[in-house]
Amino acid sequence: MKSNVDIHVVLSTFEDMDDFHDDPDEASERLNFILHAIYDAADEDIETSRLEQILHHAWESWQQDAHLLEIEDDELLDWVDHALATWDDESNEESPE
């Protein structure tokens, strides 16, 4: 269930982005935009582990991405929609740490 996931535990901070981005504050805001978009778009009855895996995947995909600050909101939202629509638990065996 979506309500079992505390999105605030997953959100990034300046320190998380400092080693990878020239503007770590903005990079953190962008990553948090993605994480919130995933959480907001997820069905209320999504399995907790599935939502945690998708959030983990987003973190791993975007935290070090040098182009994060260059991508428009609508493109990020398209990525979120695609990730939620095509997520396959069997082929994404990543476990959140």
PDB file of N, CA and C in Angstrom:
ATOM      1  N   MET A   1       0.829  -1.175   0.000  1.00  0.00           N
ATOM      2  CA  MET A   1       0.000   0.000   0.000  1.00  0.00           C
ATOM      3  C   MET A   1       0.882   1.251   0.000  1.00  0.00           C
ATOM      4  N   LYS A   2       0.476   2.203  -0.780  1.00  0.00           N
ATOM      5  CA  LYS A   2       1.205   3.451  -0.902  1.00  0.00           C
ATOM      6  C   LYS A   2       1.376   4.144   0.451  1.00  0.00           C
ATOM      7  N   SER A   3       0.368   4.053   1.290  1.00  0.00           N
ATOM      8  CA  SER A   3       0.417   4.747   2.585  1.00  0.00           C
ATOM      9  C   SER A   3       1.493   4.184   3.516  1.00  0.00           C
ATOM     10  N   ASN A   4       2.034   3.013   3.203  1.00  0.00           N
ATOM     11  CA  ASN A   4       3.097   2.423   4.016  1.00  0.00           C
ATOM     12  C   ASN A   4       4.479   2.982   3.697  1.00  0.00           C
ATOM     13  N   VAL A   5       4.570   3.791   2.652  1.00  0.00           N
ATOM     14  CA  VAL A   5       5.849   4.361   2.239  1.00  0.00           C
ATOM     15  C   VAL A   5       5.901   5.825   2.670  1.00  0.00           C
ATOM     16  N   ASP A   6       6.938   6.164   3.432  1.00  0.00           N
ATOM     17  CA  ASP A   6       7.154   7.548   3.849  1.00  0.00           C
ATOM     18  C   ASP A   6       8.094   8.205   2.837  1.00  0.00           C
ATOM     19  N   ILE A   7       7.536   9.017   1.966  1.00  0.00           N
ATOM     20  CA  ILE A   7       8.312   9.635   0.894  1.00  0.00           C
ATOM     21  C   ILE A   7       9.443  10.504   1.445  1.00  0.00           C
ATOM     22  N   HIS A   8       9.269  11.051   2.634  1.00  0.00           N
ATOM     23  CA  HIS A   8      10.284  11.945   3.204  1.00  0.00           C
ATOM     24  C   HIS A   8      11.590  11.218   3.533  1.00  0.00           C
ATOM     25  N   VAL A   9      11.512   9.918   3.726  1.00  0.00           N
ATOM     26  CA  VAL A   9      12.716   9.126   3.992  1.00  0.00           C
ATOM     27  C   VAL A   9      13.564   8.986   2.731  1.00  0.00           C
ATOM     28  N   VAL A  10      12.934   9.061   1.587  1.00  0.00           N
ATOM     29  CA  VAL A  10      13.597   8.818   0.309  1.00  0.00           C
ATOM     30  C   VAL A  10      14.176  10.094  -0.306  1.00  0.00           C
ATOM     31  N   LEU A  11      13.663  11.243   0.069  1.00  0.00           N
ATOM     32  CA  LEU A  11      14.047  12.496  -0.577  1.00  0.00           C
ATOM     33  C   LEU A  11      15.529  12.807  -0.421  1.00  0.00           C
ATOM     34  N   SER A  12      16.065  13.489  -1.415  1.00  0.00           N
ATOM     35  CA  SER A  12      17.483  13.832  -1.415  1.00  0.00           C
ATOM     36  C   SER A  12      17.733  15.154  -0.700  1.00  0.00           C
ATOM     37  N   THR A  13      18.995  15.365  -0.382  1.00  0.00           N
ATOM     38  CA  THR A  13      19.436  16.613   0.240  1.00  0.00           C
ATOM     39  C   THR A  13      20.593  17.187  -0.572  1.00  0.00           C
ATOM     40  N   PHE A  14      20.979  18.385  -0.246  1.00  0.00           N
ATOM     41  CA  PHE A  14      22.137  19.036  -0.859  1.00  0.00           C
ATOM     42  C   PHE A  14      23.353  18.112  -0.808  1.00  0.00           C
ATOM     43  N   GLU A  15      23.572  17.509   0.341  1.00  0.00           N
ATOM     44  CA  GLU A  15      24.754  16.664   0.535  1.00  0.00           C
ATOM     45  C   GLU A  15      24.755  15.437  -0.389  1.00  0.00           C
ATOM     46  N   ASP A  16      23.580  14.904  -0.678  1.00  0.00           N
ATOM     47  CA  ASP A  16      23.487  13.746  -1.561  1.00  0.00           C
ATOM     48  C   ASP A  16      23.947  14.068  -2.978  1.00  0.00           C
ATOM     49  N   MET A  17      23.829  15.316  -3.362  1.00  0.00           N
ATOM     50  CA  MET A  17      24.086  15.711  -4.746  1.00  0.00           C
ATOM     51  C   MET A  17      25.400  16.469  -4.930  1.00  0.00           C
ATOM     52  N   ASP A  18      26.022  16.857  -3.835  1.00  0.00           N
ATOM     53  CA  ASP A  18      27.185  17.749  -3.853  1.00  0.00           C
ATOM     54  C   ASP A  18      28.345  17.223  -4.697  1.00  0.00           C
ATOM     55  N   ASP A  19      28.608  15.944  -4.668  1.00  0.00           N
ATOM     56  CA  ASP A  19      29.750  15.382  -5.400  1.00  0.00           C
ATOM     57  C   ASP A  19      29.498  15.224  -6.900  1.00  0.00           C
ATOM     58  N   PHE A  20      28.256  15.390  -7.331  1.00  0.00           N
ATOM     59  CA  PHE A  20      27.915  15.070  -8.713  1.00  0.00           C
ATOM     60  C   PHE A  20      27.400  16.243  -9.539  1.00  0.00           C
ATOM     61  N   HIS A  21      27.025  17.346  -8.887  1.00  0.00           N
ATOM     62  CA  HIS A  21      26.382  18.448  -9.610  1.00  0.00           C
ATOM     63  C   HIS A  21      26.974  19.797  -9.209  1.00  0.00           C
ATOM     64  N   ASP A  22      27.058  20.697 -10.194  1.00  0.00           N
ATOM     65  CA  ASP A  22      27.566  22.047  -9.919  1.00  0.00           C
ATOM     66  C   ASP A  22      26.626  22.829  -9.016  1.00  0.00           C
ATOM     67  N   ASP A  23      25.340  22.566  -9.132  1.00  0.00           N
ATOM     68  CA  ASP A  23      24.334  23.224  -8.291  1.00  0.00           C
ATOM     69  C   ASP A  23      23.573  22.132  -7.533  1.00  0.00           C
ATOM     70  N   PRO A  24      24.136  21.668  -6.424  1.00  0.00           N
ATOM     71  CA  PRO A  24      23.533  20.546  -5.704  1.00  0.00           C
ATOM     72  C   PRO A  24      22.150  20.841  -5.132  1.00  0.00           C
ATOM     73  N   ASP A  25      21.882  22.105  -4.805  1.00  0.00           N
ATOM     74  CA  ASP A  25      20.542  22.452  -4.311  1.00  0.00           C
ATOM     75  C   ASP A  25      19.493  22.225  -5.388  1.00  0.00           C
ATOM     76  N   GLU A  26      19.770  22.720  -6.575  1.00  0.00           N
ATOM     77  CA  GLU A  26      18.831  22.558  -7.692  1.00  0.00           C
ATOM     78  C   GLU A  26      18.721  21.089  -8.093  1.00  0.00           C
ATOM     79  N   ALA A  27      19.837  20.387  -8.102  1.00  0.00           N
ATOM     80  CA  ALA A  27      19.812  18.962  -8.445  1.00  0.00           C
ATOM     81  C   ALA A  27      18.956  18.180  -7.443  1.00  0.00           C
ATOM     82  N   SER A  28      19.082  18.520  -6.177  1.00  0.00           N
ATOM     83  CA  SER A  28      18.275  17.865  -5.150  1.00  0.00           C
ATOM     84  C   SER A  28      16.788  18.152  -5.369  1.00  0.00           C
ATOM     85  N   GLU A  29      16.470  19.383  -5.696  1.00  0.00           N
ATOM     86  CA  GLU A  29      15.072  19.732  -5.985  1.00  0.00           C
ATOM     87  C   GLU A  29      14.536  18.942  -7.177  1.00  0.00           C
ATOM     88  N   ARG A  30      15.356  18.767  -8.207  1.00  0.00           N
ATOM     89  CA  ARG A  30      14.931  18.033  -9.407  1.00  0.00           C
ATOM     90  C   ARG A  30      14.684  16.560  -9.087  1.00  0.00           C
ATOM     91  N   LEU A  31      15.614  15.948  -8.336  1.00  0.00           N
ATOM     92  CA  LEU A  31      15.433  14.550  -7.960  1.00  0.00           C
ATOM     93  C   LEU A  31      14.196  14.396  -7.089  1.00  0.00           C
ATOM     94  N   ASN A  32      14.010  15.317  -6.167  1.00  0.00           N
ATOM     95  CA  ASN A  32      12.827  15.250  -5.306  1.00  0.00           C
ATOM     96  C   ASN A  32      11.538  15.447  -6.102  1.00  0.00           C
ATOM     97  N   PHE A  33      11.597  16.257  -7.158  1.00  0.00           N
ATOM     98  CA  PHE A  33      10.456  16.411  -8.062  1.00  0.00           C
ATOM     99  C   PHE A  33      10.079  15.058  -8.667  1.00  0.00           C
ATOM    100  N   ILE A  34      11.090  14.310  -9.110  1.00  0.00           N
ATOM    101  CA  ILE A  34      10.855  12.991  -9.698  1.00  0.00           C
ATOM    102  C   ILE A  34      10.272  12.042  -8.659  1.00  0.00           C
ATOM    103  N   LEU A  35      10.873  12.006  -7.484  1.00  0.00           N
ATOM    104  CA  LEU A  35      10.421  11.095  -6.429  1.00  0.00           C
ATOM    105  C   LEU A  35       8.986  11.396  -6.008  1.00  0.00           C
ATOM    106  N   HIS A  36       8.671  12.680  -5.852  1.00  0.00           N
ATOM    107  CA  HIS A  36       7.294  13.062  -5.508  1.00  0.00           C
ATOM    108  C   HIS A  36       6.330  12.696  -6.632  1.00  0.00           C
ATOM    109  N   ALA A  37       6.768  12.882  -7.877  1.00  0.00           N
ATOM    110  CA  ALA A  37       5.904  12.565  -9.019  1.00  0.00           C
ATOM    111  C   ALA A  37       5.582  11.073  -9.045  1.00  0.00           C
ATOM    112  N   ILE A  38       6.568  10.245  -8.758  1.00  0.00           N
ATOM    113  CA  ILE A  38       6.329   8.797  -8.701  1.00  0.00           C
ATOM    114  C   ILE A  38       5.323   8.486  -7.604  1.00  0.00           C
ATOM    115  N   TYR A  39       5.558   9.009  -6.436  1.00  0.00           N
ATOM    116  CA  TYR A  39       4.683   8.743  -5.301  1.00  0.00           C
ATOM    117  C   TYR A  39       3.255   9.216  -5.596  1.00  0.00           C
ATOM    118  N   ASP A  40       3.134  10.428  -6.115  1.00  0.00           N
ATOM    119  CA  ASP A  40       1.816  10.994  -6.387  1.00  0.00           C
ATOM    120  C   ASP A  40       1.062  10.221  -7.472  1.00  0.00           C
ATOM    121  N   ALA A  41       1.789   9.728  -8.468  1.00  0.00           N
ATOM    122  CA  ALA A  41       1.147   9.035  -9.591  1.00  0.00           C
ATOM    123  C   ALA A  41       0.860   7.561  -9.303  1.00  0.00           C
ATOM    124  N   ALA A  42       1.499   7.008  -8.297  1.00  0.00           N
ATOM    125  CA  ALA A  42       1.299   5.587  -7.980  1.00  0.00           C
ATOM    126  C   ALA A  42      -0.113   5.346  -7.473  1.00  0.00           C
ATOM    127  N   ASP A  43      -0.665   4.200  -7.841  1.00  0.00           N
ATOM    128  CA  ASP A  43      -1.987   3.810  -7.347  1.00  0.00           C
ATOM    129  C   ASP A  43      -1.950   3.673  -5.830  1.00  0.00           C
ATOM    130  N   GLU A  44      -3.052   3.977  -5.190  1.00  0.00           N
ATOM    131  CA  GLU A  44      -3.136   3.872  -3.724  1.00  0.00           C
ATOM    132  C   GLU A  44      -2.884   2.447  -3.241  1.00  0.00           C
ATOM    133  N   ASP A  45      -3.243   1.459  -4.050  1.00  0.00           N
ATOM    134  CA  ASP A  45      -3.104   0.068  -3.627  1.00  0.00           C
ATOM    135  C   ASP A  45      -1.844  -0.611  -4.186  1.00  0.00           C
ATOM    136  N   ILE A  46      -0.878   0.188  -4.653  1.00  0.00           N
ATOM    137  CA  ILE A  46       0.381  -0.385  -5.135  1.00  0.00           C
ATOM    138  C   ILE A  46       1.060  -1.136  -3.986  1.00  0.00           C
ATOM    139  N   GLU A  47       1.685  -2.252  -4.306  1.00  0.00           N
ATOM    140  CA  GLU A  47       2.402  -3.004  -3.285  1.00  0.00           C
ATOM    141  C   GLU A  47       3.543  -2.154  -2.745  1.00  0.00           C
ATOM    142  N   THR A  48       3.731  -2.178  -1.443  1.00  0.00           N
ATOM    143  CA  THR A  48       4.762  -1.374  -0.800  1.00  0.00           C
ATOM    144  C   THR A  48       6.132  -1.648  -1.397  1.00  0.00           C
ATOM    145  N   SER A  49       6.488  -2.910  -1.551  1.00  0.00           N
ATOM    146  CA  SER A  49       7.816  -3.250  -2.072  1.00  0.00           C
ATOM    147  C   SER A  49       7.987  -2.764  -3.506  1.00  0.00           C
ATOM    148  N   ARG A  50       6.927  -2.816  -4.283  1.00  0.00           N
ATOM    149  CA  ARG A  50       6.993  -2.353  -5.678  1.00  0.00           C
ATOM    150  C   ARG A  50       7.277  -0.852  -5.722  1.00  0.00           C
ATOM    151  N   LEU A  51       6.559  -0.070  -4.921  1.00  0.00           N
ATOM    152  CA  LEU A  51       6.780   1.376  -4.889  1.00  0.00           C
ATOM    153  C   LEU A  51       8.185   1.682  -4.387  1.00  0.00           C
ATOM    154  N   GLU A  52       8.637   0.984  -3.371  1.00  0.00           N
ATOM    155  CA  GLU A  52       9.993   1.195  -2.860  1.00  0.00           C
ATOM    156  C   GLU A  52      11.033   0.891  -3.931  1.00  0.00           C
ATOM    157  N   GLN A  53      10.831  -0.151  -4.716  1.00  0.00           N
ATOM    158  CA  GLN A  53      11.769  -0.504  -5.788  1.00  0.00           C
ATOM    159  C   GLN A  53      11.786   0.558  -6.878  1.00  0.00           C
ATOM    160  N   ILE A  54      10.629   1.076  -7.230  1.00  0.00           N
ATOM    161  CA  ILE A  54      10.567   2.117  -8.266  1.00  0.00           C
ATOM    162  C   ILE A  54      11.246   3.393  -7.782  1.00  0.00           C
ATOM    163  N   LEU A  55      11.013   3.760  -6.532  1.00  0.00           N
ATOM    164  CA  LEU A  55      11.673   4.948  -5.971  1.00  0.00           C
ATOM    165  C   LEU A  55      13.185   4.744  -5.921  1.00  0.00           C
ATOM    166  N   HIS A  56      13.612   3.561  -5.531  1.00  0.00           N
ATOM    167  CA  HIS A  56      15.039   3.245  -5.496  1.00  0.00           C
ATOM    168  C   HIS A  56      15.647   3.327  -6.902  1.00  0.00           C
ATOM    169  N   HIS A  57      14.927   2.789  -7.865  1.00  0.00           N
ATOM    170  CA  HIS A  57      15.384   2.834  -9.255  1.00  0.00           C
ATOM    171  C   HIS A  57      15.522   4.288  -9.725  1.00  0.00           C
ATOM    172  N   ALA A  58      14.563   5.124  -9.391  1.00  0.00           N
ATOM    173  CA  ALA A  58      14.623   6.540  -9.777  1.00  0.00           C
ATOM    174  C   ALA A  58      15.841   7.207  -9.146  1.00  0.00           C
ATOM    175  N   TRP A  59      16.064   6.930  -7.870  1.00  0.00           N
ATOM    176  CA  TRP A  59      17.217   7.503  -7.178  1.00  0.00           C
ATOM    177  C   TRP A  59      18.509   7.091  -7.884  1.00  0.00           C
ATOM    178  N   GLU A  60      18.654   5.795  -8.144  1.00  0.00           N
ATOM    179  CA  GLU A  60      19.864   5.281  -8.789  1.00  0.00           C
ATOM    180  C   GLU A  60      20.021   5.816 -10.213  1.00  0.00           C
ATOM    181  N   SER A  61      18.917   6.011 -10.906  1.00  0.00           N
ATOM    182  CA  SER A  61      18.955   6.485 -12.295  1.00  0.00           C
ATOM    183  C   SER A  61      19.316   7.957 -12.402  1.00  0.00           C
ATOM    184  N   TRP A  62      18.885   8.759 -11.444  1.00  0.00           N
ATOM    185  CA  TRP A  62      18.980  10.208 -11.595  1.00  0.00           C
ATOM    186  C   TRP A  62      19.975  10.906 -10.673  1.00  0.00           C
ATOM    187  N   GLN A  63      20.355  10.326  -9.565  1.00  0.00           N
ATOM    188  CA  GLN A  63      21.190  11.041  -8.593  1.00  0.00           C
ATOM    189  C   GLN A  63      22.499  11.523  -9.199  1.00  0.00           C
ATOM    190  N   GLN A  64      23.139  10.705 -10.007  1.00  0.00           N
ATOM    191  CA  GLN A  64      24.433  11.071 -10.582  1.00  0.00           C
ATOM    192  C   GLN A  64      24.332  11.509 -12.041  1.00  0.00           C
ATOM    193  N   ASP A  65      23.126  11.617 -12.571  1.00  0.00           N
ATOM    194  CA  ASP A  65      22.953  11.969 -13.984  1.00  0.00           C
ATOM    195  C   ASP A  65      23.341  13.433 -14.223  1.00  0.00           C
ATOM    196  N   ALA A  66      24.364  13.632 -15.037  1.00  0.00           N
ATOM    197  CA  ALA A  66      24.882  14.977 -15.304  1.00  0.00           C
ATOM    198  C   ALA A  66      23.874  15.872 -16.019  1.00  0.00           C
ATOM    199  N   HIS A  67      22.861  15.284 -16.642  1.00  0.00           N
ATOM    200  CA  HIS A  67      21.884  16.056 -17.411  1.00  0.00           C
ATOM    201  C   HIS A  67      20.615  16.379 -16.612  1.00  0.00           C
ATOM    202  N   LEU A  68      20.586  16.010 -15.355  1.00  0.00           N
ATOM    203  CA  LEU A  68      19.388  16.188 -14.538  1.00  0.00           C
ATOM    204  C   LEU A  68      18.852  17.623 -14.570  1.00  0.00           C
ATOM    205  N   LEU A  69      19.744  18.590 -14.522  1.00  0.00           N
ATOM    206  CA  LEU A  69      19.312  19.995 -14.472  1.00  0.00           C
ATOM    207  C   LEU A  69      18.868  20.525 -15.830  1.00  0.00           C
ATOM    208  N   GLU A  70      19.146  19.805 -16.882  1.00  0.00           N
ATOM    209  CA  GLU A  70      18.821  20.259 -18.239  1.00  0.00           C
ATOM    210  C   GLU A  70      17.477  19.744 -18.744  1.00  0.00           C
ATOM    211  N   ILE A  71      16.906  18.775 -18.050  1.00  0.00           N
ATOM    212  CA  ILE A  71      15.698  18.111 -18.542  1.00  0.00           C
ATOM    213  C   ILE A  71      14.451  18.841 -18.048  1.00  0.00           C
ATOM    214  N   GLU A  72      13.529  19.075 -18.956  1.00  0.00           N
ATOM    215  CA  GLU A  72      12.291  19.780 -18.642  1.00  0.00           C
ATOM    216  C   GLU A  72      11.359  18.923 -17.786  1.00  0.00           C
ATOM    217  N   ASP A  73      10.507  19.590 -17.023  1.00  0.00           N
ATOM    218  CA  ASP A  73       9.563  18.888 -16.148  1.00  0.00           C
ATOM    219  C   ASP A  73       8.707  17.881 -16.908  1.00  0.00           C
ATOM    220  N   ASP A  74       8.197  18.270 -18.079  1.00  0.00           N
ATOM    221  CA  ASP A  74       7.316  17.367 -18.812  1.00  0.00           C
ATOM    222  C   ASP A  74       8.048  16.100 -19.261  1.00  0.00           C
ATOM    223  N   GLU A  75       9.332  16.219 -19.568  1.00  0.00           N
ATOM    224  CA  GLU A  75      10.108  15.041 -19.936  1.00  0.00           C
ATOM    225  C   GLU A  75      10.336  14.133 -18.725  1.00  0.00           C
ATOM    226  N   LEU A  76      10.564  14.736 -17.569  1.00  0.00           N
ATOM    227  CA  LEU A  76      10.719  13.946 -16.341  1.00  0.00           C
ATOM    228  C   LEU A  76       9.412  13.245 -15.985  1.00  0.00           C
ATOM    229  N   LEU A  77       8.303  13.940 -16.175  1.00  0.00           N
ATOM    230  CA  LEU A  77       7.003  13.328 -15.893  1.00  0.00           C
ATOM    231  C   LEU A  77       6.712  12.188 -16.871  1.00  0.00           C
ATOM    232  N   ASP A  78       7.160  12.329 -18.112  1.00  0.00           N
ATOM    233  CA  ASP A  78       7.033  11.228 -19.077  1.00  0.00           C
ATOM    234  C   ASP A  78       7.844  10.017 -18.602  1.00  0.00           C
ATOM    235  N   TRP A  79       9.038  10.269 -18.068  1.00  0.00           N
ATOM    236  CA  TRP A  79       9.867   9.180 -17.553  1.00  0.00           C
ATOM    237  C   TRP A  79       9.153   8.483 -16.388  1.00  0.00           C
ATOM    238  N   VAL A  80       8.558   9.282 -15.498  1.00  0.00           N
ATOM    239  CA  VAL A  80       7.817   8.733 -14.355  1.00  0.00           C
ATOM    240  C   VAL A  80       6.664   7.866 -14.848  1.00  0.00           C
ATOM    241  N   ASP A  81       5.879   8.380 -15.776  1.00  0.00           N
ATOM    242  CA  ASP A  81       4.743   7.626 -16.319  1.00  0.00           C
ATOM    243  C   ASP A  81       5.217   6.314 -16.939  1.00  0.00           C
ATOM    244  N   HIS A  82       6.294   6.386 -17.687  1.00  0.00           N
ATOM    245  CA  HIS A  82       6.837   5.187 -18.331  1.00  0.00           C
ATOM    246  C   HIS A  82       7.325   4.180 -17.283  1.00  0.00           C
ATOM    247  N   ALA A  83       8.027   4.665 -16.271  1.00  0.00           N
ATOM    248  CA  ALA A  83       8.541   3.768 -15.229  1.00  0.00           C
ATOM    249  C   ALA A  83       7.394   3.063 -14.506  1.00  0.00           C
ATOM    250  N   LEU A  84       6.351   3.797 -14.182  1.00  0.00           N
ATOM    251  CA  LEU A  84       5.214   3.194 -13.481  1.00  0.00           C
ATOM    252  C   LEU A  84       4.449   2.221 -14.384  1.00  0.00           C
ATOM    253  N   ALA A  85       4.328   2.553 -15.655  1.00  0.00           N
ATOM    254  CA  ALA A  85       3.541   1.722 -16.575  1.00  0.00           C
ATOM    255  C   ALA A  85       4.265   0.447 -16.990  1.00  0.00           C
ATOM    256  N   THR A  86       5.583   0.485 -17.005  1.00  0.00           N
ATOM    257  CA  THR A  86       6.326  -0.652 -17.540  1.00  0.00           C
ATOM    258  C   THR A  86       7.115  -1.416 -16.493  1.00  0.00           C
ATOM    259  N   TRP A  87       7.009  -1.028 -15.242  1.00  0.00           N
ATOM    260  CA  TRP A  87       7.790  -1.692 -14.190  1.00  0.00           C
ATOM    261  C   TRP A  87       7.455  -3.172 -14.129  1.00  0.00           C
ATOM    262  N   ASP A  88       8.475  -3.973 -14.142  1.00  0.00           N
ATOM    263  CA  ASP A  88       8.315  -5.423 -14.055  1.00  0.00           C
ATOM    264  C   ASP A  88       9.140  -5.903 -12.868  1.00  0.00           C
ATOM    265  N   ASP A  89       8.457  -6.323 -11.807  1.00  0.00           N
ATOM    266  CA  ASP A  89       9.140  -6.744 -10.593  1.00  0.00           C
ATOM    267  C   ASP A  89      10.149  -7.855 -10.856  1.00  0.00           C
ATOM    268  N   GLU A  90       9.829  -8.755 -11.758  1.00  0.00           N
ATOM    269  CA  GLU A  90      10.675  -9.919 -12.026  1.00  0.00           C
ATOM    270  C   GLU A  90      12.013  -9.510 -12.642  1.00  0.00           C
ATOM    271  N   SER A  91      12.007  -8.503 -13.514  1.00  0.00           N
ATOM    272  CA  SER A  91      13.246  -8.124 -14.182  1.00  0.00           C
ATOM    273  C   SER A  91      13.958  -6.984 -13.466  1.00  0.00           C
ATOM    274  N   ASN A  92      13.358  -6.475 -12.421  1.00  0.00           N
ATOM    275  CA  ASN A  92      13.962  -5.406 -11.622  1.00  0.00           C
ATOM    276  C   ASN A  92      14.095  -5.884 -10.194  1.00  0.00           C
ATOM    277  N   GLU A  93      15.001  -6.782  -9.993  1.00  0.00           N
ATOM    278  CA  GLU A  93      15.158  -7.421  -8.693  1.00  0.00           C
ATOM    279  C   GLU A  93      15.984  -6.590  -7.720  1.00  0.00           C
ATOM    280  N   GLU A  94      16.161  -5.283  -8.001  1.00  0.00           N
ATOM    281  CA  GLU A  94      16.910  -4.426  -7.101  1.00  0.00           C
ATOM    282  C   GLU A  94      16.190  -4.374  -5.765  1.00  0.00           C
ATOM    283  N   SER A  95      16.946  -4.382  -4.703  1.00  0.00           N
ATOM    284  CA  SER A  95      16.369  -4.249  -3.371  1.00  0.00           C
ATOM    285  C   SER A  95      16.805  -2.918  -2.791  1.00  0.00           C
ATOM    286  N   PRO A  96      15.862  -2.129  -2.308  1.00  0.00           N
ATOM    287  CA  PRO A  96      16.258  -0.873  -1.663  1.00  0.00           C
ATOM    288  C   PRO A  96      17.108  -1.191  -0.447  1.00  0.00           C
ATOM    289  N   GLU A  97      18.111  -0.385  -0.240  1.00  0.00           N
ATOM    290  CA  GLU A  97      19.000  -0.630   0.892  1.00  0.00           C
ATOM    291  C   GLU A  97      18.460  -0.063   2.159  1.00  0.00           C
TER     292      GLU A  97
END
